[in-house]
Amino acid sequence: MAAMVGRYGAARPEPVAPAVASPAATPEARLLAALGDTPRAVERLAAAAGLPVAEALSALLALRWAGAASPRPGQRWVRGTP
């Protein structure tokens, strides 16, 4: 074994880059993917995005401020601005 290490060098693991969360992993991106032209209830959007309703509401507000989502009557949301 020592002869092999001397001949080929010690095996060194390659450095691994730290994992970076993809944009699709953010609550906002997950909700944006669930939004469309047809108004959907907050509960359905939250379920589609795999989020608790409270977190979905917070992310929807951020999307509204960014102009990416728009509220409709009855706590329903659509993609884009009115």
C-alpha atoms as a PDB file:
ATOM      1  CA  MET A   1       0.000   0.000   0.000  1.00  0.00           C
ATOM      2  CA  ALA A   2       2.795   2.422   0.895  1.00  0.00           C
ATOM      3  CA  ALA A   3       4.367   1.738  -2.485  1.00  0.00           C
ATOM      4  CA  MET A   4       1.130   2.622  -4.240  1.00  0.00           C
ATOM      5  CA  VAL A   5       0.727   5.835  -2.281  1.00  0.00           C
ATOM      6  CA  GLY A   6       4.311   6.765  -3.073  1.00  0.00           C
ATOM      7  CA  ARG A   7       3.842   5.979  -6.744  1.00  0.00           C
ATOM      8  CA  TYR A   8       0.412   7.541  -7.330  1.00  0.00           C
ATOM      9  CA  GLY A   9       0.156  10.010  -4.491  1.00  0.00           C
ATOM     10  CA  ALA A  10      -2.381  10.067  -1.739  1.00  0.00           C
ATOM     11  CA  ALA A  11      -5.970  10.159  -2.850  1.00  0.00           C
ATOM     12  CA  ARG A  12      -7.432  13.539  -2.059  1.00  0.00           C
ATOM     13  CA  PRO A  13     -11.102  14.252  -2.310  1.00  0.00           C
ATOM     14  CA  GLU A  14     -11.986  16.960  -4.745  1.00  0.00           C
ATOM     15  CA  PRO A  15     -13.257  20.149  -3.136  1.00  0.00           C
ATOM     16  CA  VAL A  16     -17.008  20.357  -3.148  1.00  0.00           C
ATOM     17  CA  ALA A  17     -18.687  23.679  -3.771  1.00  0.00           C
ATOM     18  CA  PRO A  18     -21.210  24.627  -1.112  1.00  0.00           C
ATOM     19  CA  ALA A  19     -24.776  23.866  -2.026  1.00  0.00           C
ATOM     20  CA  VAL A  20     -26.665  26.898  -3.243  1.00  0.00           C
ATOM     21  CA  ALA A  21     -30.425  26.885  -3.085  1.00  0.00           C
ATOM     22  CA  SER A  22     -31.933  27.201  -6.517  1.00  0.00           C
ATOM     23  CA  PRO A  23     -34.321  30.086  -7.073  1.00  0.00           C
ATOM     24  CA  ALA A  24     -37.111  27.545  -7.463  1.00  0.00           C
ATOM     25  CA  ALA A  25     -36.588  26.606  -3.814  1.00  0.00           C
ATOM     26  CA  THR A  26     -37.745  29.992  -2.542  1.00  0.00           C
ATOM     27  CA  PRO A  27     -41.361  30.283  -1.423  1.00  0.00           C
ATOM     28  CA  GLU A  28     -41.893  33.130  -3.894  1.00  0.00           C
ATOM     29  CA  ALA A  29     -40.641  31.088  -6.840  1.00  0.00           C
ATOM     30  CA  ARG A  30     -42.698  28.069  -5.822  1.00  0.00           C
ATOM     31  CA  LEU A  31     -45.838  30.211  -5.617  1.00  0.00           C
ATOM     32  CA  LEU A  32     -45.048  31.950  -8.882  1.00  0.00           C
ATOM     33  CA  ALA A  33     -44.920  28.535 -10.545  1.00  0.00           C
ATOM     34  CA  ALA A  34     -48.368  27.747  -9.090  1.00  0.00           C
ATOM     35  CA  LEU A  35     -49.927  31.045 -10.191  1.00  0.00           C
ATOM     36  CA  GLY A  36     -51.655  31.463 -13.527  1.00  0.00           C
ATOM     37  CA  ASP A  37     -54.326  33.543 -15.254  1.00  0.00           C
ATOM     38  CA  THR A  38     -57.161  31.803 -13.403  1.00  0.00           C
ATOM     39  CA  PRO A  39     -57.646  33.076  -9.837  1.00  0.00           C
ATOM     40  CA  ARG A  40     -56.709  30.457  -7.236  1.00  0.00           C
ATOM     41  CA  ALA A  41     -57.463  30.412  -3.519  1.00  0.00           C
ATOM     42  CA  VAL A  42     -54.598  30.954  -1.098  1.00  0.00           C
ATOM     43  CA  GLU A  43     -55.107  27.492   0.389  1.00  0.00           C
ATOM     44  CA  ARG A  44     -54.779  25.831  -3.015  1.00  0.00           C
ATOM     45  CA  LEU A  45     -51.709  27.891  -3.908  1.00  0.00           C
ATOM     46  CA  ALA A  46     -50.102  27.034  -0.579  1.00  0.00           C
ATOM     47  CA  ALA A  47     -50.797  23.328  -1.100  1.00  0.00           C
ATOM     48  CA  ALA A  48     -49.450  23.432  -4.666  1.00  0.00           C
ATOM     49  CA  ALA A  49     -46.268  25.131  -3.455  1.00  0.00           C
ATOM     50  CA  GLY A  50     -45.926  22.885  -0.407  1.00  0.00           C
ATOM     51  CA  LEU A  51     -46.102  25.809   2.016  1.00  0.00           C
ATOM     52  CA  PRO A  52     -48.079  26.627   5.145  1.00  0.00           C
ATOM     53  CA  VAL A  53     -50.832  29.163   4.412  1.00  0.00           C
ATOM     54  CA  ALA A  54     -49.179  31.846   6.576  1.00  0.00           C
ATOM     55  CA  GLU A  55     -45.899  31.525   4.668  1.00  0.00           C
ATOM     56  CA  ALA A  56     -47.751  31.547   1.353  1.00  0.00           C
ATOM     57  CA  LEU A  57     -49.542  34.774   2.300  1.00  0.00           C
ATOM     58  CA  SER A  58     -46.236  36.401   3.203  1.00  0.00           C
ATOM     59  CA  ALA A  59     -44.644  35.313  -0.070  1.00  0.00           C
ATOM     60  CA  LEU A  60     -47.702  36.429  -2.066  1.00  0.00           C
ATOM     61  CA  LEU A  61     -47.394  39.883  -0.538  1.00  0.00           C
ATOM     62  CA  ALA A  62     -43.747  40.023  -1.625  1.00  0.00           C
ATOM     63  CA  LEU A  63     -44.787  38.934  -5.127  1.00  0.00           C
ATOM     64  CA  ARG A  64     -47.475  41.635  -5.150  1.00  0.00           C
ATOM     65  CA  TRP A  65     -44.923  44.307  -4.233  1.00  0.00           C
ATOM     66  CA  ALA A  66     -42.713  43.034  -7.054  1.00  0.00           C
ATOM     67  CA  GLY A  67     -45.621  43.202  -9.513  1.00  0.00           C
ATOM     68  CA  ALA A  68     -45.528  39.446 -10.090  1.00  0.00           C
ATOM     69  CA  ALA A  69     -48.884  38.593  -8.457  1.00  0.00           C
ATOM     70  CA  SER A  70     -52.208  40.327  -8.055  1.00  0.00           C
ATOM     71  CA  PRO A  71     -54.985  39.687  -5.523  1.00  0.00           C
ATOM     72  CA  ARG A  72     -58.584  39.060  -6.542  1.00  0.00           C
ATOM     73  CA  PRO A  73     -61.763  39.036  -4.417  1.00  0.00           C
ATOM     74  CA  GLY A  74     -62.153  36.084  -2.061  1.00  0.00           C
ATOM     75  CA  GLN A  75     -58.451  35.713  -1.221  1.00  0.00           C
ATOM     76  CA  ARG A  76     -57.686  34.501  -4.718  1.00  0.00           C
ATOM     77  CA  TRP A  77     -54.538  35.364  -6.624  1.00  0.00           C
ATOM     78  CA  VAL A  78     -53.371  35.514 -10.248  1.00  0.00           C
ATOM     79  CA  ARG A  79     -50.005  35.984 -11.894  1.00  0.00           C
ATOM     80  CA  GLY A  80     -49.025  39.536 -12.867  1.00  0.00           C
ATOM     81  CA  THR A  81     -50.535  42.923 -12.196  1.00  0.00           C
ATOM     82  CA  PRO A  82     -54.173  44.005 -12.562  1.00  0.00           C
END
